[in-house]
Amino acid sequence: MRHLGGFLIGLVVTAAVLAGGGWAVTQAAAQAAAHVTGQAPVTPADNQKLWIALGAMAAVGLVYGLVVAGRISPLATFVPSMALLSWTVVYALDPARAISLVPAEPSVDQIVREAGAGAQTLLTTGVLALLGVALFIPVLMPSRWSRPYDDDDDDYESSQEGGYY
C-alpha cells in the first residue's frame, strides 16, 4: 500500500514539475522580457503575474523538496525521475521528436500551451535532466525500500533457542 501511495505521489510530482514549473518559467520569462524592453511596471510589487509565477516556483520547489527529503516510498521519486530523464534522453537522441511532445496546437488551452512552452525551455536548457538525476538519488538508498522501524515489533516474544529445561 505504501508503494501505491508513492506511485500516486510520483505522478503528482511529475505533473507539478512539468506543468507548474513550466507555466511559472513561461510567466517569469515573459515578465523579464517586458522589463528588458521597458514595457513592465516600474516596481516589482505592481507586477502581479511575476509574484504569482515566483509563488508557483516556490510551491513546486516545496513539493520537490518534501518528496526528496521525506521518508516515503521510493516510487515517489522514481516515477518523476524516469519521466524527466527519459524525456531528456529522447531530446538528446532526436530533438525534433522530443519537442513534438509539447502541446502547441491552437485547440489546446492557453495555460496548457504556456506550461508546455515552459517545460520545453526546461528541457532544452537541461534543467529537467538536473531535476531527474536529483530525484533518482533517493531511489538508490536501501533504507527507502524498507519500511520504517516500528516500536510494536519489540512486543513479540522470540522463541528460545534451547529446550524448555
N, C-alpha and C. Protein backbone atom coordinates (compact mmCIF):
# COMPACT_ATOMS: atom_id res chain seq x y z
N MET A 1 0.82 -1.18 0.00
CA MET A 1 0.00 0.00 0.00
C MET A 1 0.87 1.25 0.00
N ARG A 2 1.99 1.15 0.69
CA ARG A 2 2.91 2.27 0.77
C ARG A 2 3.45 2.63 -0.62
N HIS A 3 3.73 1.62 -1.41
CA HIS A 3 4.29 1.87 -2.74
C HIS A 3 3.22 2.38 -3.71
N LEU A 4 1.98 1.98 -3.53
CA LEU A 4 0.90 2.53 -4.36
C LEU A 4 0.75 4.02 -4.08
N GLY A 5 0.79 4.39 -2.82
CA GLY A 5 0.75 5.81 -2.46
C GLY A 5 1.94 6.56 -3.03
N GLY A 6 3.10 5.93 -2.98
CA GLY A 6 4.30 6.55 -3.54
C GLY A 6 4.19 6.75 -5.04
N PHE A 7 3.58 5.77 -5.71
CA PHE A 7 3.38 5.89 -7.16
C PHE A 7 2.47 7.07 -7.48
N LEU A 8 1.38 7.21 -6.73
CA LEU A 8 0.45 8.32 -6.95
C LEU A 8 1.10 9.66 -6.63
N ILE A 9 1.89 9.71 -5.57
CA ILE A 9 2.62 10.94 -5.26
C ILE A 9 3.62 11.26 -6.36
N GLY A 10 4.24 10.23 -6.93
CA GLY A 10 5.16 10.44 -8.05
C GLY A 10 4.49 11.06 -9.26
N LEU A 11 3.25 10.63 -9.53
CA LEU A 11 2.50 11.23 -10.63
C LEU A 11 2.21 12.71 -10.36
N VAL A 12 1.89 13.03 -9.12
CA VAL A 12 1.62 14.42 -8.75
C VAL A 12 2.89 15.26 -8.88
N VAL A 13 4.02 14.72 -8.45
CA VAL A 13 5.29 15.45 -8.55
C VAL A 13 5.66 15.67 -10.02
N THR A 14 5.44 14.67 -10.85
CA THR A 14 5.72 14.82 -12.28
C THR A 14 4.88 15.93 -12.88
N ALA A 15 3.60 15.94 -12.56
CA ALA A 15 2.72 17.00 -13.07
C ALA A 15 3.11 18.36 -12.51
N ALA A 16 3.52 18.41 -11.26
CA ALA A 16 3.90 19.69 -10.66
C ALA A 16 5.15 20.26 -11.33
N VAL A 17 6.13 19.40 -11.57
CA VAL A 17 7.36 19.89 -12.19
C VAL A 17 7.13 20.30 -13.64
N LEU A 18 6.43 19.46 -14.39
CA LEU A 18 6.25 19.76 -15.81
C LEU A 18 5.23 20.88 -16.04
N ALA A 19 4.07 20.78 -15.42
CA ALA A 19 3.02 21.78 -15.66
C ALA A 19 3.24 23.04 -14.84
N GLY A 20 3.37 22.88 -13.53
CA GLY A 20 3.54 24.04 -12.66
C GLY A 20 4.85 24.77 -12.90
N GLY A 21 5.93 24.01 -12.96
CA GLY A 21 7.23 24.63 -13.23
C GLY A 21 7.31 25.22 -14.61
N GLY A 22 6.73 24.53 -15.59
CA GLY A 22 6.74 25.05 -16.96
C GLY A 22 5.96 26.35 -17.08
N TRP A 23 4.77 26.40 -16.48
CA TRP A 23 3.97 27.62 -16.53
C TRP A 23 4.69 28.77 -15.83
N ALA A 24 5.29 28.49 -14.67
CA ALA A 24 5.99 29.54 -13.92
C ALA A 24 7.18 30.08 -14.70
N VAL A 25 7.90 29.20 -15.38
CA VAL A 25 9.05 29.65 -16.17
C VAL A 25 8.59 30.54 -17.32
N THR A 26 7.50 30.17 -17.97
CA THR A 26 6.98 30.98 -19.07
C THR A 26 6.58 32.37 -18.58
N GLN A 27 5.87 32.43 -17.46
CA GLN A 27 5.42 33.71 -16.93
C GLN A 27 6.60 34.57 -16.48
N ALA A 28 7.56 33.97 -15.79
CA ALA A 28 8.72 34.73 -15.33
C ALA A 28 9.57 35.23 -16.50
N ALA A 29 9.71 34.40 -17.53
CA ALA A 29 10.47 34.83 -18.71
C ALA A 29 9.77 35.96 -19.44
N ALA A 30 8.45 35.90 -19.52
CA ALA A 30 7.70 36.98 -20.17
C ALA A 30 7.84 38.28 -19.39
N GLN A 31 7.81 38.20 -18.09
CA GLN A 31 7.97 39.42 -17.27
C GLN A 31 9.39 39.95 -17.37
N ALA A 32 10.36 39.07 -17.43
CA ALA A 32 11.75 39.51 -17.59
C ALA A 32 11.95 40.18 -18.93
N ALA A 33 11.34 39.64 -19.98
CA ALA A 33 11.44 40.26 -21.30
C ALA A 33 10.76 41.62 -21.31
N ALA A 34 9.65 41.74 -20.59
CA ALA A 34 8.96 43.04 -20.52
C ALA A 34 9.80 44.06 -19.77
N HIS A 35 10.54 43.63 -18.76
CA HIS A 35 11.43 44.54 -18.04
C HIS A 35 12.58 45.01 -18.93
N VAL A 36 13.09 44.10 -19.74
CA VAL A 36 14.21 44.45 -20.62
C VAL A 36 13.78 45.47 -21.67
N THR A 37 12.59 45.29 -22.22
CA THR A 37 12.11 46.21 -23.26
C THR A 37 11.50 47.48 -22.70
N GLY A 38 11.35 47.54 -21.37
CA GLY A 38 10.81 48.74 -20.76
C GLY A 38 9.30 48.81 -20.76
N GLN A 39 8.61 47.72 -21.00
CA GLN A 39 7.15 47.72 -21.04
C GLN A 39 6.53 47.28 -19.72
N ALA A 40 7.32 46.93 -18.74
CA ALA A 40 6.81 46.43 -17.48
C ALA A 40 6.62 47.57 -16.49
N PRO A 41 5.82 47.35 -15.43
CA PRO A 41 5.68 48.36 -14.39
C PRO A 41 7.01 48.68 -13.73
N VAL A 42 7.07 49.84 -13.10
CA VAL A 42 8.33 50.32 -12.54
C VAL A 42 8.78 49.48 -11.34
N THR A 43 7.86 49.10 -10.48
CA THR A 43 8.23 48.33 -9.29
C THR A 43 7.73 46.90 -9.42
N PRO A 44 8.46 45.95 -8.85
CA PRO A 44 8.00 44.56 -8.91
C PRO A 44 6.70 44.32 -8.16
N ALA A 45 6.39 45.16 -7.17
CA ALA A 45 5.15 44.97 -6.41
C ALA A 45 3.93 45.22 -7.29
N ASP A 46 4.07 46.03 -8.33
CA ASP A 46 2.97 46.30 -9.24
C ASP A 46 2.74 45.16 -10.22
N ASN A 47 3.66 44.26 -10.30
CA ASN A 47 3.58 43.20 -11.29
C ASN A 47 3.07 41.92 -10.64
N GLN A 48 1.77 41.70 -10.70
CA GLN A 48 1.15 40.57 -10.03
C GLN A 48 1.52 39.23 -10.66
N LYS A 49 1.64 39.17 -11.96
CA LYS A 49 1.97 37.89 -12.63
C LYS A 49 3.35 37.38 -12.22
N LEU A 50 4.29 38.30 -12.04
CA LEU A 50 5.62 37.87 -11.62
C LEU A 50 5.57 37.24 -10.23
N TRP A 51 4.82 37.84 -9.33
CA TRP A 51 4.71 37.29 -7.98
C TRP A 51 4.00 35.95 -7.99
N ILE A 52 3.00 35.81 -8.82
CA ILE A 52 2.30 34.52 -8.92
C ILE A 52 3.24 33.46 -9.48
N ALA A 53 4.03 33.83 -10.48
CA ALA A 53 5.00 32.88 -11.06
C ALA A 53 6.05 32.48 -10.03
N LEU A 54 6.54 33.43 -9.26
CA LEU A 54 7.52 33.11 -8.23
C LEU A 54 6.91 32.24 -7.14
N GLY A 55 5.65 32.48 -6.81
CA GLY A 55 4.95 31.62 -5.84
C GLY A 55 4.77 30.21 -6.37
N ALA A 56 4.46 30.10 -7.66
CA ALA A 56 4.33 28.77 -8.26
C ALA A 56 5.66 28.04 -8.26
N MET A 57 6.75 28.75 -8.54
CA MET A 57 8.07 28.13 -8.48
C MET A 57 8.40 27.67 -7.06
N ALA A 58 8.04 28.49 -6.07
CA ALA A 58 8.29 28.11 -4.68
C ALA A 58 7.45 26.89 -4.30
N ALA A 59 6.21 26.82 -4.77
CA ALA A 59 5.35 25.67 -4.47
C ALA A 59 5.91 24.39 -5.10
N VAL A 60 6.37 24.49 -6.33
CA VAL A 60 6.97 23.33 -7.00
C VAL A 60 8.24 22.91 -6.25
N GLY A 61 9.03 23.87 -5.84
CA GLY A 61 10.24 23.56 -5.08
C GLY A 61 9.93 22.92 -3.74
N LEU A 62 8.84 23.36 -3.10
CA LEU A 62 8.44 22.77 -1.82
C LEU A 62 8.01 21.32 -2.01
N VAL A 63 7.19 21.05 -3.01
CA VAL A 63 6.75 19.68 -3.28
C VAL A 63 7.96 18.81 -3.62
N TYR A 64 8.84 19.33 -4.45
CA TYR A 64 10.06 18.62 -4.85
C TYR A 64 10.92 18.29 -3.62
N GLY A 65 11.13 19.27 -2.78
CA GLY A 65 11.96 19.07 -1.60
C GLY A 65 11.36 18.09 -0.61
N LEU A 66 10.04 18.16 -0.41
CA LEU A 66 9.39 17.23 0.51
C LEU A 66 9.48 15.79 0.02
N VAL A 67 9.38 15.60 -1.27
CA VAL A 67 9.46 14.24 -1.81
C VAL A 67 10.89 13.71 -1.73
N VAL A 68 11.86 14.55 -2.01
CA VAL A 68 13.26 14.10 -1.97
C VAL A 68 13.70 13.83 -0.54
N ALA A 69 13.31 14.69 0.40
CA ALA A 69 13.78 14.55 1.78
C ALA A 69 12.87 13.70 2.64
N GLY A 70 11.64 13.50 2.23
CA GLY A 70 10.68 12.77 3.06
C GLY A 70 10.92 11.28 3.07
N ARG A 71 10.38 10.64 4.09
CA ARG A 71 10.53 9.19 4.24
C ARG A 71 9.26 8.51 3.73
N ILE A 72 9.12 8.50 2.43
CA ILE A 72 8.00 7.83 1.79
C ILE A 72 8.55 6.81 0.81
N SER A 73 7.68 6.19 0.09
CA SER A 73 8.09 5.16 -0.86
C SER A 73 9.07 5.73 -1.89
N PRO A 74 10.06 4.96 -2.29
CA PRO A 74 10.99 5.44 -3.32
C PRO A 74 10.33 5.63 -4.68
N LEU A 75 9.15 5.06 -4.87
CA LEU A 75 8.44 5.27 -6.13
C LEU A 75 8.02 6.73 -6.30
N ALA A 76 7.90 7.45 -5.18
CA ALA A 76 7.53 8.87 -5.25
C ALA A 76 8.61 9.69 -5.94
N THR A 77 9.84 9.24 -5.90
CA THR A 77 10.91 9.93 -6.62
C THR A 77 11.29 9.20 -7.91
N PHE A 78 11.05 7.89 -7.95
CA PHE A 78 11.44 7.12 -9.13
C PHE A 78 10.57 7.46 -10.34
N VAL A 79 9.27 7.60 -10.14
CA VAL A 79 8.36 7.88 -11.26
C VAL A 79 8.71 9.22 -11.93
N PRO A 80 8.81 10.33 -11.18
CA PRO A 80 9.16 11.58 -11.88
C PRO A 80 10.58 11.58 -12.44
N SER A 81 11.50 10.90 -11.77
CA SER A 81 12.86 10.89 -12.30
C SER A 81 12.92 10.17 -13.64
N MET A 82 12.20 9.06 -13.76
CA MET A 82 12.19 8.34 -15.03
C MET A 82 11.50 9.14 -16.12
N ALA A 83 10.43 9.85 -15.78
CA ALA A 83 9.74 10.67 -16.79
C ALA A 83 10.66 11.80 -17.27
N LEU A 84 11.31 12.48 -16.35
CA LEU A 84 12.16 13.61 -16.73
C LEU A 84 13.41 13.13 -17.48
N LEU A 85 14.02 12.07 -16.98
CA LEU A 85 15.23 11.57 -17.63
C LEU A 85 14.94 10.94 -18.99
N SER A 86 13.82 10.26 -19.11
CA SER A 86 13.51 9.65 -20.41
C SER A 86 13.20 10.72 -21.46
N TRP A 87 12.51 11.78 -21.05
CA TRP A 87 12.27 12.87 -22.00
C TRP A 87 13.58 13.56 -22.38
N THR A 88 14.52 13.65 -21.45
CA THR A 88 15.82 14.23 -21.76
C THR A 88 16.60 13.33 -22.71
N VAL A 89 16.52 12.02 -22.54
CA VAL A 89 17.20 11.10 -23.45
C VAL A 89 16.59 11.19 -24.85
N VAL A 90 15.28 11.27 -24.92
CA VAL A 90 14.64 11.43 -26.23
C VAL A 90 15.11 12.73 -26.87
N TYR A 91 15.24 13.79 -26.09
CA TYR A 91 15.72 15.07 -26.62
C TYR A 91 17.17 14.94 -27.11
N ALA A 92 17.99 14.20 -26.38
CA ALA A 92 19.38 14.04 -26.79
C ALA A 92 19.50 13.22 -28.08
N LEU A 93 18.63 12.23 -28.25
CA LEU A 93 18.69 11.38 -29.43
C LEU A 93 17.98 11.98 -30.64
N ASP A 94 16.83 12.61 -30.42
CA ASP A 94 16.04 13.16 -31.51
C ASP A 94 15.30 14.41 -31.01
N PRO A 95 15.95 15.58 -31.11
CA PRO A 95 15.34 16.80 -30.57
C PRO A 95 13.98 17.13 -31.18
N ALA A 96 13.80 16.88 -32.47
CA ALA A 96 12.52 17.21 -33.10
C ALA A 96 11.39 16.38 -32.51
N ARG A 97 11.65 15.11 -32.24
CA ARG A 97 10.61 14.26 -31.66
C ARG A 97 10.29 14.70 -30.23
N ALA A 98 11.30 15.05 -29.46
CA ALA A 98 11.07 15.49 -28.08
C ALA A 98 10.28 16.79 -28.04
N ILE A 99 10.56 17.70 -28.95
CA ILE A 99 9.85 18.98 -28.99
C ILE A 99 8.42 18.75 -29.48
N SER A 100 8.22 17.74 -30.32
CA SER A 100 6.87 17.49 -30.82
C SER A 100 5.92 16.98 -29.73
N LEU A 101 6.45 16.54 -28.60
CA LEU A 101 5.61 16.09 -27.50
C LEU A 101 4.99 17.25 -26.71
N VAL A 102 5.47 18.46 -26.96
CA VAL A 102 4.95 19.63 -26.26
C VAL A 102 3.64 20.06 -26.91
N PRO A 103 2.57 20.25 -26.13
CA PRO A 103 1.30 20.68 -26.72
C PRO A 103 1.39 22.13 -27.20
N ALA A 104 1.20 22.35 -28.50
CA ALA A 104 1.30 23.69 -29.06
C ALA A 104 0.17 24.03 -30.02
N GLU A 105 -0.80 23.12 -30.18
CA GLU A 105 -1.89 23.35 -31.12
C GLU A 105 -2.80 24.46 -30.59
N PRO A 106 -3.43 25.21 -31.48
CA PRO A 106 -4.34 26.27 -31.04
C PRO A 106 -5.57 25.74 -30.32
N SER A 107 -5.91 24.48 -30.51
CA SER A 107 -7.08 23.92 -29.84
C SER A 107 -6.85 23.65 -28.36
N VAL A 108 -5.58 23.64 -27.95
CA VAL A 108 -5.24 23.39 -26.55
C VAL A 108 -5.40 24.70 -25.77
N ASP A 109 -5.82 24.60 -24.52
CA ASP A 109 -6.00 25.77 -23.68
C ASP A 109 -4.70 26.58 -23.57
N GLN A 110 -4.83 27.87 -23.40
CA GLN A 110 -3.68 28.78 -23.35
C GLN A 110 -2.74 28.44 -22.19
N ILE A 111 -3.29 28.09 -21.04
CA ILE A 111 -2.46 27.77 -19.88
C ILE A 111 -1.64 26.50 -20.14
N VAL A 112 -2.24 25.53 -20.80
CA VAL A 112 -1.52 24.29 -21.12
C VAL A 112 -0.42 24.58 -22.13
N ARG A 113 -0.68 25.45 -23.11
CA ARG A 113 0.36 25.82 -24.07
C ARG A 113 1.51 26.55 -23.38
N GLU A 114 1.18 27.44 -22.42
CA GLU A 114 2.24 28.14 -21.68
C GLU A 114 3.05 27.17 -20.84
N ALA A 115 2.38 26.23 -20.19
CA ALA A 115 3.09 25.22 -19.40
C ALA A 115 3.98 24.36 -20.29
N GLY A 116 3.49 24.01 -21.47
CA GLY A 116 4.29 23.22 -22.41
C GLY A 116 5.50 23.99 -22.91
N ALA A 117 5.31 25.28 -23.20
CA ALA A 117 6.45 26.10 -23.65
C ALA A 117 7.50 26.22 -22.55
N GLY A 118 7.05 26.34 -21.30
CA GLY A 118 8.00 26.40 -20.19
C GLY A 118 8.70 25.08 -19.98
N ALA A 119 7.97 23.97 -20.10
CA ALA A 119 8.59 22.65 -19.98
C ALA A 119 9.61 22.44 -21.10
N GLN A 120 9.31 22.96 -22.28
CA GLN A 120 10.26 22.88 -23.38
C GLN A 120 11.53 23.68 -23.05
N THR A 121 11.35 24.84 -22.45
CA THR A 121 12.51 25.64 -22.03
C THR A 121 13.33 24.88 -20.99
N LEU A 122 12.66 24.26 -20.03
CA LEU A 122 13.38 23.48 -19.02
C LEU A 122 14.10 22.29 -19.64
N LEU A 123 13.48 21.69 -20.66
CA LEU A 123 14.09 20.55 -21.34
C LEU A 123 15.33 20.97 -22.12
N THR A 124 15.21 22.02 -22.91
CA THR A 124 16.31 22.41 -23.78
C THR A 124 17.48 23.03 -23.02
N THR A 125 17.23 23.55 -21.83
CA THR A 125 18.32 24.10 -21.04
C THR A 125 18.98 23.08 -20.12
N GLY A 126 18.40 21.87 -20.03
CA GLY A 126 18.99 20.82 -19.21
C GLY A 126 18.51 20.78 -17.78
N VAL A 127 17.57 21.63 -17.43
CA VAL A 127 17.07 21.66 -16.06
C VAL A 127 16.32 20.38 -15.72
N LEU A 128 15.57 19.83 -16.69
CA LEU A 128 14.85 18.59 -16.43
C LEU A 128 15.82 17.43 -16.17
N ALA A 129 16.94 17.42 -16.83
CA ALA A 129 17.95 16.38 -16.57
C ALA A 129 18.50 16.52 -15.16
N LEU A 130 18.78 17.74 -14.76
CA LEU A 130 19.29 18.00 -13.41
C LEU A 130 18.27 17.56 -12.35
N LEU A 131 17.02 17.93 -12.54
CA LEU A 131 15.97 17.55 -11.59
C LEU A 131 15.76 16.03 -11.58
N GLY A 132 15.83 15.41 -12.76
CA GLY A 132 15.66 13.96 -12.84
C GLY A 132 16.75 13.20 -12.11
N VAL A 133 17.98 13.64 -12.24
CA VAL A 133 19.08 12.98 -11.54
C VAL A 133 18.94 13.18 -10.03
N ALA A 134 18.57 14.40 -9.62
CA ALA A 134 18.39 14.66 -8.18
C ALA A 134 17.24 13.83 -7.60
N LEU A 135 16.21 13.57 -8.40
CA LEU A 135 15.12 12.73 -7.94
C LEU A 135 15.49 11.25 -7.92
N PHE A 136 16.46 10.85 -8.72
CA PHE A 136 16.84 9.45 -8.78
C PHE A 136 17.75 9.03 -7.62
N ILE A 137 18.49 9.96 -7.05
CA ILE A 137 19.44 9.64 -5.97
C ILE A 137 18.75 8.96 -4.78
N PRO A 138 17.58 9.44 -4.29
CA PRO A 138 16.95 8.74 -3.16
C PRO A 138 16.53 7.31 -3.47
N VAL A 139 16.33 6.98 -4.73
CA VAL A 139 15.95 5.61 -5.10
C VAL A 139 17.09 4.65 -4.80
N LEU A 140 18.33 5.12 -4.84
CA LEU A 140 19.49 4.27 -4.62
C LEU A 140 19.76 3.97 -3.15
N MET A 141 19.04 4.64 -2.24
CA MET A 141 19.25 4.43 -0.81
C MET A 141 18.43 3.22 -0.34
N PRO A 142 19.09 2.19 0.17
CA PRO A 142 18.36 0.99 0.59
C PRO A 142 17.36 1.25 1.71
N SER A 143 17.60 2.22 2.55
CA SER A 143 16.68 2.50 3.65
C SER A 143 15.32 2.97 3.16
N ARG A 144 15.24 3.48 1.95
CA ARG A 144 13.96 3.92 1.41
C ARG A 144 13.07 2.75 1.04
N TRP A 145 13.65 1.61 0.74
CA TRP A 145 12.86 0.47 0.29
C TRP A 145 12.29 -0.35 1.44
N SER A 146 12.89 -0.25 2.62
CA SER A 146 12.36 -1.00 3.77
C SER A 146 11.38 -0.12 4.53
N ARG A 147 10.50 -0.76 5.25
CA ARG A 147 9.54 0.04 5.99
C ARG A 147 10.21 0.60 7.23
N PRO A 148 9.70 1.71 7.76
CA PRO A 148 10.31 2.30 8.95
C PRO A 148 10.23 1.37 10.15
N TYR A 149 11.17 1.50 11.06
CA TYR A 149 11.20 0.69 12.28
C TYR A 149 9.99 1.04 13.11
N ASP A 150 9.33 0.03 13.63
CA ASP A 150 8.13 0.23 14.43
C ASP A 150 8.39 -0.29 15.83
N ASP A 151 8.03 0.48 16.84
CA ASP A 151 8.23 0.06 18.23
C ASP A 151 7.38 -1.16 18.59
N ASP A 152 6.32 -1.40 17.87
CA ASP A 152 5.47 -2.55 18.16
C ASP A 152 6.15 -3.87 17.83
N ASP A 153 7.22 -3.82 17.04
CA ASP A 153 7.93 -5.04 16.69
C ASP A 153 8.59 -5.69 17.91
N ASP A 154 8.86 -4.91 18.96
CA ASP A 154 9.51 -5.44 20.15
C ASP A 154 8.53 -6.20 21.05
N ASP A 155 7.26 -6.07 20.85
CA ASP A 155 6.27 -6.70 21.71
C ASP A 155 6.19 -8.21 21.50
N TYR A 156 6.62 -8.70 20.38
CA TYR A 156 6.55 -10.13 20.11
C TYR A 156 7.72 -10.83 20.80
N GLU A 157 7.40 -11.95 21.41
CA GLU A 157 8.43 -12.71 22.09
C GLU A 157 9.16 -13.59 21.09
N SER A 158 10.43 -13.66 21.24
CA SER A 158 11.20 -14.54 20.37
C SER A 158 11.24 -15.93 21.01
N SER A 159 11.35 -16.93 20.18
CA SER A 159 11.40 -18.29 20.70
C SER A 159 12.77 -18.55 21.31
N GLN A 160 12.78 -19.41 22.31
CA GLN A 160 14.05 -19.71 22.96
C GLN A 160 14.79 -20.75 22.11
N GLU A 161 16.09 -20.61 22.09
CA GLU A 161 16.91 -21.47 21.25
C GLU A 161 17.02 -22.88 21.82
N GLY A 162 17.07 -22.99 23.09
CA GLY A 162 17.22 -24.32 23.70
C GLY A 162 15.87 -24.98 23.92
N GLY A 163 15.87 -25.94 24.79
CA GLY A 163 14.63 -26.61 25.16
C GLY A 163 13.91 -25.81 26.23
N TYR A 164 12.92 -26.47 26.81
CA TYR A 164 12.19 -25.83 27.89
C TYR A 164 12.90 -25.99 29.22
N TYR A 165 13.92 -26.82 29.32
CA TYR A 165 14.60 -27.13 30.58
C TYR A 165 15.78 -26.32 30.72
